[in-house]
């Protein structure tokens, strides 16, 4: 039962950390690795999948705004139109490889939102974001193993 709750906690932390809400999942991941209460491979897979799923929420929100228009959102939820256009231009300039960096703490989450506003294909989006996010957790796992 402890394994289930540990993995559920990891999934929740990784999911929320990938949305536009401010959160981090790295400490939970490393803490659970240190606690040795779950299989590290299961922890890695759960963290990677849940973190990718949170990014899909951002993509979906961006898609929703693209269809309905920014002006239909409540004022406090509206992105700054200038910054949105600027971000869309940045994504258009760097293209799909930028999605491999969706794990970055500062620009990664908005990047996934912008991809949705530009109707980037969801299947490719999921594959690229998963690769980047899984690589980040793999690096954390490898670093942890090096230190222990």
N, C-alpha and C. Protein backbone atom coordinates (compact mmCIF):
# COMPACT_ATOMS: atom_id res chain seq x y z
N UNK A 1 0.82 -1.20 0.00
CA UNK A 1 0.00 0.00 0.00
C UNK A 1 0.86 1.26 0.00
N UNK A 2 2.01 1.20 0.66
CA UNK A 2 2.92 2.35 0.69
C UNK A 2 3.41 2.68 -0.71
N UNK A 3 3.65 1.63 -1.51
CA UNK A 3 4.10 1.85 -2.89
C UNK A 3 3.05 2.62 -3.68
N UNK A 4 1.79 2.23 -3.53
CA UNK A 4 0.70 2.90 -4.26
C UNK A 4 0.67 4.38 -3.91
N UNK A 5 0.69 4.70 -2.62
CA UNK A 5 0.59 6.11 -2.21
C UNK A 5 1.83 6.91 -2.60
N UNK A 6 2.97 6.26 -2.57
CA UNK A 6 4.19 6.94 -3.01
C UNK A 6 4.10 7.29 -4.49
N UNK A 7 3.67 6.32 -5.30
CA UNK A 7 3.55 6.57 -6.74
C UNK A 7 2.42 7.56 -7.04
N UNK A 8 1.34 7.50 -6.27
CA UNK A 8 0.25 8.46 -6.45
C UNK A 8 0.72 9.88 -6.12
N UNK A 9 1.49 10.00 -5.06
CA UNK A 9 2.05 11.31 -4.70
C UNK A 9 2.98 11.83 -5.78
N UNK A 10 3.80 10.93 -6.33
CA UNK A 10 4.70 11.32 -7.41
C UNK A 10 3.90 11.77 -8.62
N UNK A 11 2.86 11.02 -8.96
CA UNK A 11 2.03 11.37 -10.12
C UNK A 11 1.38 12.74 -9.92
N UNK A 12 0.86 12.98 -8.74
CA UNK A 12 0.22 14.27 -8.47
C UNK A 12 1.20 15.42 -8.55
N UNK A 13 2.36 15.24 -7.94
CA UNK A 13 3.37 16.30 -7.96
C UNK A 13 3.86 16.57 -9.38
N UNK A 14 4.11 15.50 -10.13
CA UNK A 14 4.61 15.67 -11.51
C UNK A 14 3.55 16.29 -12.41
N UNK A 15 2.30 15.90 -12.23
CA UNK A 15 1.22 16.45 -13.05
C UNK A 15 1.07 17.96 -12.80
N UNK A 16 0.94 18.34 -11.54
CA UNK A 16 0.74 19.75 -11.20
C UNK A 16 1.96 20.58 -11.62
N UNK A 17 3.16 20.04 -11.45
CA UNK A 17 4.37 20.78 -11.80
C UNK A 17 4.44 21.09 -13.29
N UNK A 18 3.78 20.30 -14.12
CA UNK A 18 3.82 20.53 -15.56
C UNK A 18 2.75 21.49 -16.04
N UNK A 19 1.77 21.79 -15.20
CA UNK A 19 0.74 22.74 -15.60
C UNK A 19 1.26 24.16 -15.42
N UNK A 20 0.43 25.12 -15.68
CA UNK A 20 0.83 26.52 -15.53
C UNK A 20 0.86 26.95 -14.06
N UNK A 21 0.47 26.06 -13.15
CA UNK A 21 0.54 26.35 -11.72
C UNK A 21 1.99 26.24 -11.23
N UNK A 22 2.38 27.06 -10.29
CA UNK A 22 3.76 26.98 -9.80
C UNK A 22 3.94 25.78 -8.87
N UNK A 23 4.78 24.86 -9.27
CA UNK A 23 5.07 23.67 -8.46
C UNK A 23 6.33 23.01 -9.01
N UNK A 24 6.93 22.14 -8.20
CA UNK A 24 8.09 21.37 -8.63
C UNK A 24 7.92 19.92 -8.23
N UNK A 25 8.47 19.03 -9.02
CA UNK A 25 8.35 17.61 -8.72
C UNK A 25 9.70 16.95 -8.44
N UNK A 26 10.78 17.65 -8.71
CA UNK A 26 12.11 17.05 -8.55
C UNK A 26 12.38 16.61 -7.12
N UNK A 27 11.99 17.40 -6.15
CA UNK A 27 12.24 17.05 -4.75
C UNK A 27 11.48 15.78 -4.36
N UNK A 28 10.26 15.65 -4.84
CA UNK A 28 9.47 14.44 -4.56
C UNK A 28 10.15 13.24 -5.19
N UNK A 29 10.58 13.38 -6.44
CA UNK A 29 11.26 12.29 -7.15
C UNK A 29 12.51 11.84 -6.40
N UNK A 30 13.36 12.80 -6.05
CA UNK A 30 14.60 12.46 -5.35
C UNK A 30 14.33 11.93 -3.94
N UNK A 31 13.33 12.48 -3.28
CA UNK A 31 12.97 12.00 -1.95
C UNK A 31 12.51 10.55 -1.96
N UNK A 32 11.71 10.22 -2.96
CA UNK A 32 11.23 8.83 -3.06
C UNK A 32 12.35 7.88 -3.49
N UNK A 33 13.27 8.36 -4.31
CA UNK A 33 14.44 7.53 -4.62
C UNK A 33 15.24 7.26 -3.35
N UNK A 34 15.43 8.29 -2.54
CA UNK A 34 16.21 8.15 -1.30
C UNK A 34 15.51 7.24 -0.29
N UNK A 35 14.17 7.32 -0.25
CA UNK A 35 13.41 6.51 0.71
C UNK A 35 13.42 5.03 0.35
N UNK A 36 13.65 4.72 -0.92
CA UNK A 36 13.71 3.34 -1.40
C UNK A 36 12.43 2.56 -1.09
N UNK A 37 11.30 3.24 -1.17
CA UNK A 37 10.02 2.58 -0.91
C UNK A 37 9.34 2.09 -2.18
N UNK A 38 9.84 2.55 -3.34
CA UNK A 38 9.26 2.12 -4.61
C UNK A 38 10.37 1.74 -5.59
N UNK A 39 9.99 0.94 -6.54
CA UNK A 39 10.92 0.56 -7.60
C UNK A 39 11.30 1.81 -8.39
N UNK A 40 12.58 2.09 -8.54
CA UNK A 40 13.00 3.31 -9.24
C UNK A 40 12.49 3.40 -10.68
N UNK A 41 12.40 2.28 -11.36
CA UNK A 41 11.89 2.30 -12.73
C UNK A 41 10.42 2.70 -12.75
N UNK A 42 9.63 2.17 -11.82
CA UNK A 42 8.22 2.55 -11.73
C UNK A 42 8.09 4.03 -11.41
N UNK A 43 8.92 4.52 -10.51
CA UNK A 43 8.92 5.93 -10.14
C UNK A 43 9.25 6.80 -11.35
N UNK A 44 10.26 6.42 -12.09
CA UNK A 44 10.67 7.13 -13.31
C UNK A 44 9.53 7.18 -14.33
N UNK A 45 8.90 6.05 -14.56
CA UNK A 45 7.82 5.99 -15.55
C UNK A 45 6.60 6.81 -15.12
N UNK A 46 6.22 6.69 -13.86
CA UNK A 46 5.08 7.45 -13.35
C UNK A 46 5.36 8.95 -13.44
N UNK A 47 6.54 9.37 -13.02
CA UNK A 47 6.89 10.79 -13.06
C UNK A 47 6.88 11.31 -14.50
N UNK A 48 7.46 10.56 -15.41
CA UNK A 48 7.54 10.99 -16.81
C UNK A 48 6.17 11.08 -17.46
N UNK A 49 5.33 10.08 -17.24
CA UNK A 49 4.00 10.07 -17.85
C UNK A 49 3.12 11.16 -17.24
N UNK A 50 3.14 11.29 -15.92
CA UNK A 50 2.29 12.30 -15.27
C UNK A 50 2.74 13.72 -15.63
N UNK A 51 4.04 13.94 -15.73
CA UNK A 51 4.54 15.25 -16.09
C UNK A 51 4.15 15.59 -17.53
N UNK A 52 4.19 14.62 -18.40
CA UNK A 52 3.75 14.81 -19.79
C UNK A 52 2.25 15.09 -19.83
N UNK A 53 1.47 14.38 -19.02
CA UNK A 53 0.02 14.60 -18.98
C UNK A 53 -0.32 16.03 -18.54
N UNK A 54 0.43 16.56 -17.60
CA UNK A 54 0.21 17.94 -17.18
C UNK A 54 0.47 18.91 -18.32
N UNK A 55 1.47 18.61 -19.15
CA UNK A 55 1.75 19.46 -20.31
C UNK A 55 0.64 19.37 -21.35
N UNK A 56 -0.01 18.22 -21.43
CA UNK A 56 -1.14 18.08 -22.36
C UNK A 56 -2.29 18.99 -21.92
N UNK A 57 -2.45 19.17 -20.62
CA UNK A 57 -3.47 20.12 -20.13
C UNK A 57 -3.15 21.52 -20.64
N UNK A 58 -1.88 21.92 -20.57
CA UNK A 58 -1.48 23.24 -21.09
C UNK A 58 -1.78 23.34 -22.58
N UNK A 59 -1.42 22.29 -23.33
CA UNK A 59 -1.69 22.27 -24.78
C UNK A 59 -3.18 22.44 -25.04
N UNK A 60 -3.98 21.70 -24.28
CA UNK A 60 -5.43 21.76 -24.45
C UNK A 60 -5.97 23.16 -24.13
N UNK A 61 -5.47 23.78 -23.07
CA UNK A 61 -5.90 25.14 -22.74
C UNK A 61 -5.53 26.12 -23.85
N UNK A 62 -4.33 25.97 -24.40
CA UNK A 62 -3.92 26.81 -25.52
C UNK A 62 -4.82 26.59 -26.73
N UNK A 63 -5.16 25.36 -26.96
CA UNK A 63 -6.06 25.02 -28.08
C UNK A 63 -7.43 25.64 -27.87
N UNK A 64 -7.92 25.57 -26.65
CA UNK A 64 -9.21 26.15 -26.30
C UNK A 64 -9.22 27.65 -26.55
N UNK A 65 -8.18 28.31 -26.15
CA UNK A 65 -8.08 29.76 -26.37
C UNK A 65 -8.01 30.08 -27.86
N UNK A 66 -7.29 29.24 -28.61
CA UNK A 66 -7.18 29.48 -30.05
C UNK A 66 -8.55 29.38 -30.72
N UNK A 67 -9.38 28.47 -30.24
CA UNK A 67 -10.73 28.29 -30.83
C UNK A 67 -11.72 29.34 -30.35
N UNK A 68 -11.70 29.63 -29.08
CA UNK A 68 -12.71 30.53 -28.50
C UNK A 68 -12.29 31.99 -28.49
N UNK A 69 -11.00 32.23 -28.49
CA UNK A 69 -10.50 33.60 -28.44
C UNK A 69 -10.17 34.03 -27.02
N UNK A 70 -9.13 34.78 -26.90
CA UNK A 70 -8.64 35.25 -25.60
C UNK A 70 -9.68 36.12 -24.91
N UNK A 71 -10.40 36.91 -25.69
CA UNK A 71 -11.35 37.86 -25.10
C UNK A 71 -12.51 37.19 -24.36
N UNK A 72 -12.76 35.92 -24.59
CA UNK A 72 -13.84 35.22 -23.90
C UNK A 72 -13.43 34.69 -22.53
N UNK A 73 -12.16 34.76 -22.23
CA UNK A 73 -11.67 34.33 -20.91
C UNK A 73 -11.93 35.41 -19.87
N UNK A 74 -12.08 34.99 -18.61
CA UNK A 74 -12.13 36.01 -17.54
C UNK A 74 -10.85 36.84 -17.59
N UNK A 75 -10.95 38.10 -17.30
CA UNK A 75 -9.84 39.04 -17.43
C UNK A 75 -8.57 38.56 -16.71
N UNK A 76 -8.71 37.99 -15.52
CA UNK A 76 -7.53 37.58 -14.75
C UNK A 76 -6.83 36.35 -15.34
N UNK A 77 -7.51 35.64 -16.25
CA UNK A 77 -6.91 34.46 -16.86
C UNK A 77 -6.36 34.72 -18.26
N UNK A 78 -6.58 35.90 -18.77
CA UNK A 78 -6.14 36.22 -20.13
C UNK A 78 -4.63 36.41 -20.19
N UNK A 79 -4.00 35.75 -21.16
CA UNK A 79 -2.58 36.04 -21.35
C UNK A 79 -2.43 37.41 -22.01
N UNK A 80 -1.32 38.04 -21.76
CA UNK A 80 -1.02 39.32 -22.39
C UNK A 80 -0.90 39.08 -23.90
N UNK A 81 -1.75 39.72 -24.72
CA UNK A 81 -1.74 39.45 -26.16
C UNK A 81 -0.37 39.69 -26.82
N UNK A 82 0.35 40.72 -26.39
CA UNK A 82 1.67 40.99 -26.96
C UNK A 82 2.64 39.86 -26.65
N UNK A 83 2.62 39.40 -25.41
CA UNK A 83 3.54 38.33 -25.01
C UNK A 83 3.16 37.01 -25.67
N UNK A 84 1.86 36.79 -25.87
CA UNK A 84 1.42 35.57 -26.54
C UNK A 84 1.91 35.56 -27.98
N UNK A 85 1.75 36.66 -28.69
CA UNK A 85 2.22 36.74 -30.07
C UNK A 85 3.74 36.58 -30.13
N UNK A 86 4.43 37.17 -29.17
CA UNK A 86 5.89 37.05 -29.10
C UNK A 86 6.29 35.58 -28.88
N UNK A 87 5.59 34.90 -27.98
CA UNK A 87 5.89 33.49 -27.70
C UNK A 87 5.57 32.61 -28.91
N UNK A 88 4.49 32.92 -29.60
CA UNK A 88 4.14 32.16 -30.81
C UNK A 88 5.22 32.35 -31.87
N UNK A 89 5.73 33.56 -32.00
CA UNK A 89 6.81 33.82 -32.95
C UNK A 89 8.07 33.05 -32.59
N UNK A 90 8.37 32.98 -31.29
CA UNK A 90 9.54 32.23 -30.83
C UNK A 90 9.37 30.75 -31.15
N UNK A 91 8.18 30.22 -30.89
CA UNK A 91 7.92 28.80 -31.18
C UNK A 91 8.02 28.55 -32.68
N UNK A 92 7.45 29.44 -33.47
CA UNK A 92 7.50 29.28 -34.93
C UNK A 92 8.96 29.32 -35.42
N UNK A 93 9.77 30.14 -34.79
CA UNK A 93 11.17 30.27 -35.19
C UNK A 93 11.97 29.01 -34.88
N UNK A 94 11.80 28.47 -33.66
CA UNK A 94 12.60 27.32 -33.24
C UNK A 94 11.91 25.99 -33.49
N UNK A 95 10.61 26.01 -33.68
CA UNK A 95 9.87 24.82 -34.09
C UNK A 95 9.85 23.67 -33.09
N UNK A 96 9.63 22.49 -33.64
CA UNK A 96 9.41 21.31 -32.80
C UNK A 96 10.56 20.98 -31.85
N UNK A 97 11.84 21.23 -32.18
CA UNK A 97 12.88 20.88 -31.21
C UNK A 97 12.72 21.59 -29.87
N UNK A 98 12.06 22.75 -29.88
CA UNK A 98 11.89 23.47 -28.62
C UNK A 98 11.04 22.68 -27.62
N UNK A 99 10.17 21.81 -28.11
CA UNK A 99 9.34 21.01 -27.21
C UNK A 99 10.16 20.02 -26.39
N UNK A 100 11.35 19.69 -26.84
CA UNK A 100 12.24 18.83 -26.05
C UNK A 100 12.68 19.52 -24.76
N UNK A 101 12.48 20.85 -24.71
CA UNK A 101 12.87 21.63 -23.53
C UNK A 101 11.67 22.05 -22.70
N UNK A 102 10.55 21.36 -22.86
CA UNK A 102 9.34 21.68 -22.10
C UNK A 102 9.54 21.43 -20.60
N UNK A 103 10.57 20.75 -20.22
CA UNK A 103 10.85 20.47 -18.80
C UNK A 103 11.51 21.65 -18.09
N UNK A 104 11.98 22.65 -18.84
CA UNK A 104 12.66 23.78 -18.20
C UNK A 104 11.74 24.49 -17.22
N UNK A 105 12.28 24.90 -16.07
CA UNK A 105 11.43 25.49 -15.04
C UNK A 105 10.79 26.84 -15.41
N UNK A 106 11.43 27.66 -16.20
CA UNK A 106 10.90 28.99 -16.46
C UNK A 106 10.00 29.01 -17.69
N UNK A 107 10.48 28.63 -18.84
CA UNK A 107 9.70 28.76 -20.08
C UNK A 107 9.02 27.51 -20.57
N UNK A 108 9.27 26.39 -19.93
CA UNK A 108 8.74 25.12 -20.43
C UNK A 108 7.22 25.03 -20.44
N UNK A 109 6.59 25.42 -19.34
CA UNK A 109 5.13 25.31 -19.26
C UNK A 109 4.42 26.25 -20.23
N UNK A 110 4.82 27.52 -20.31
CA UNK A 110 4.20 28.39 -21.32
C UNK A 110 4.44 27.90 -22.75
N UNK A 111 5.58 27.27 -22.99
CA UNK A 111 5.88 26.75 -24.32
C UNK A 111 4.84 25.71 -24.74
N UNK A 112 4.43 24.86 -23.81
CA UNK A 112 3.44 23.83 -24.13
C UNK A 112 2.07 24.45 -24.39
N UNK A 113 1.78 25.54 -23.69
CA UNK A 113 0.55 26.29 -23.91
C UNK A 113 0.55 26.90 -25.31
N UNK A 114 1.66 27.52 -25.68
CA UNK A 114 1.79 28.16 -26.99
C UNK A 114 1.65 27.12 -28.10
N UNK A 115 2.21 25.94 -27.91
CA UNK A 115 2.08 24.89 -28.92
C UNK A 115 0.61 24.56 -29.16
N UNK A 116 -0.19 24.61 -28.10
CA UNK A 116 -1.62 24.38 -28.26
C UNK A 116 -2.30 25.49 -29.02
N UNK A 117 -1.90 26.74 -28.76
CA UNK A 117 -2.52 27.87 -29.48
C UNK A 117 -2.22 27.80 -30.97
N UNK A 118 -1.10 27.20 -31.31
CA UNK A 118 -0.70 27.08 -32.72
C UNK A 118 -1.16 25.76 -33.35
N UNK A 119 -1.96 25.01 -32.61
CA UNK A 119 -2.49 23.74 -33.10
C UNK A 119 -1.40 22.75 -33.51
N UNK A 120 -0.31 22.71 -32.74
CA UNK A 120 0.74 21.73 -33.03
C UNK A 120 0.13 20.35 -32.83
N UNK A 121 0.38 19.40 -33.75
CA UNK A 121 -0.25 18.08 -33.67
C UNK A 121 -0.02 17.40 -32.31
N UNK A 122 -1.10 16.95 -31.69
CA UNK A 122 -1.04 16.41 -30.33
C UNK A 122 -0.14 15.19 -30.22
N UNK A 123 -0.20 14.27 -31.17
CA UNK A 123 0.62 13.06 -31.11
C UNK A 123 2.11 13.38 -31.09
N UNK A 124 2.54 14.26 -31.98
CA UNK A 124 3.95 14.67 -32.02
C UNK A 124 4.30 15.45 -30.76
N UNK A 125 3.37 16.29 -30.30
CA UNK A 125 3.59 17.06 -29.08
C UNK A 125 3.87 16.11 -27.91
N UNK A 126 3.02 15.11 -27.73
CA UNK A 126 3.19 14.17 -26.62
C UNK A 126 4.53 13.45 -26.72
N UNK A 127 4.88 12.99 -27.91
CA UNK A 127 6.14 12.26 -28.08
C UNK A 127 7.34 13.13 -27.72
N UNK A 128 7.37 14.35 -28.24
CA UNK A 128 8.51 15.24 -27.98
C UNK A 128 8.60 15.67 -26.53
N UNK A 129 7.47 16.03 -25.96
CA UNK A 129 7.46 16.45 -24.56
C UNK A 129 7.86 15.29 -23.65
N UNK A 130 7.35 14.10 -23.94
CA UNK A 130 7.70 12.93 -23.13
C UNK A 130 9.21 12.66 -23.19
N UNK A 131 9.79 12.74 -24.36
CA UNK A 131 11.24 12.50 -24.50
C UNK A 131 12.02 13.48 -23.61
N UNK A 132 11.68 14.75 -23.69
CA UNK A 132 12.38 15.75 -22.89
C UNK A 132 12.19 15.57 -21.41
N UNK A 133 10.95 15.31 -21.00
CA UNK A 133 10.67 15.17 -19.57
C UNK A 133 11.27 13.88 -19.01
N UNK A 134 11.21 12.80 -19.78
CA UNK A 134 11.82 11.55 -19.33
C UNK A 134 13.33 11.69 -19.23
N UNK A 135 13.94 12.43 -20.16
CA UNK A 135 15.39 12.65 -20.10
C UNK A 135 15.76 13.41 -18.83
N UNK A 136 14.94 14.38 -18.45
CA UNK A 136 15.21 15.14 -17.22
C UNK A 136 15.17 14.23 -16.00
N UNK A 137 14.12 13.38 -15.88
CA UNK A 137 14.04 12.47 -14.74
C UNK A 137 15.16 11.43 -14.79
N UNK A 138 15.55 11.01 -15.99
CA UNK A 138 16.66 10.06 -16.12
C UNK A 138 17.96 10.69 -15.61
N UNK A 139 18.16 11.97 -15.93
CA UNK A 139 19.37 12.66 -15.45
C UNK A 139 19.35 12.80 -13.92
N UNK A 140 18.17 13.10 -13.36
CA UNK A 140 18.06 13.17 -11.90
C UNK A 140 18.37 11.82 -11.27
N UNK A 141 17.82 10.77 -11.85
CA UNK A 141 18.02 9.41 -11.35
C UNK A 141 19.51 9.04 -11.43
N UNK A 142 20.12 9.32 -12.58
CA UNK A 142 21.55 9.00 -12.76
C UNK A 142 22.41 9.80 -11.78
N UNK A 143 22.08 11.07 -11.60
CA UNK A 143 22.82 11.90 -10.64
C UNK A 143 22.68 11.38 -9.23
N UNK A 144 21.48 10.96 -8.88
CA UNK A 144 21.22 10.40 -7.55
C UNK A 144 22.07 9.14 -7.34
N UNK A 145 22.08 8.27 -8.34
CA UNK A 145 22.86 7.04 -8.23
C UNK A 145 24.35 7.31 -8.12
N UNK A 146 24.81 8.37 -8.75
CA UNK A 146 26.22 8.74 -8.68
C UNK A 146 26.59 9.19 -7.27
N UNK A 147 25.67 9.89 -6.62
CA UNK A 147 25.93 10.43 -5.29
C UNK A 147 25.76 9.41 -4.17
N UNK A 148 25.01 8.34 -4.43
CA UNK A 148 24.76 7.37 -3.37
C UNK A 148 25.59 6.12 -3.53
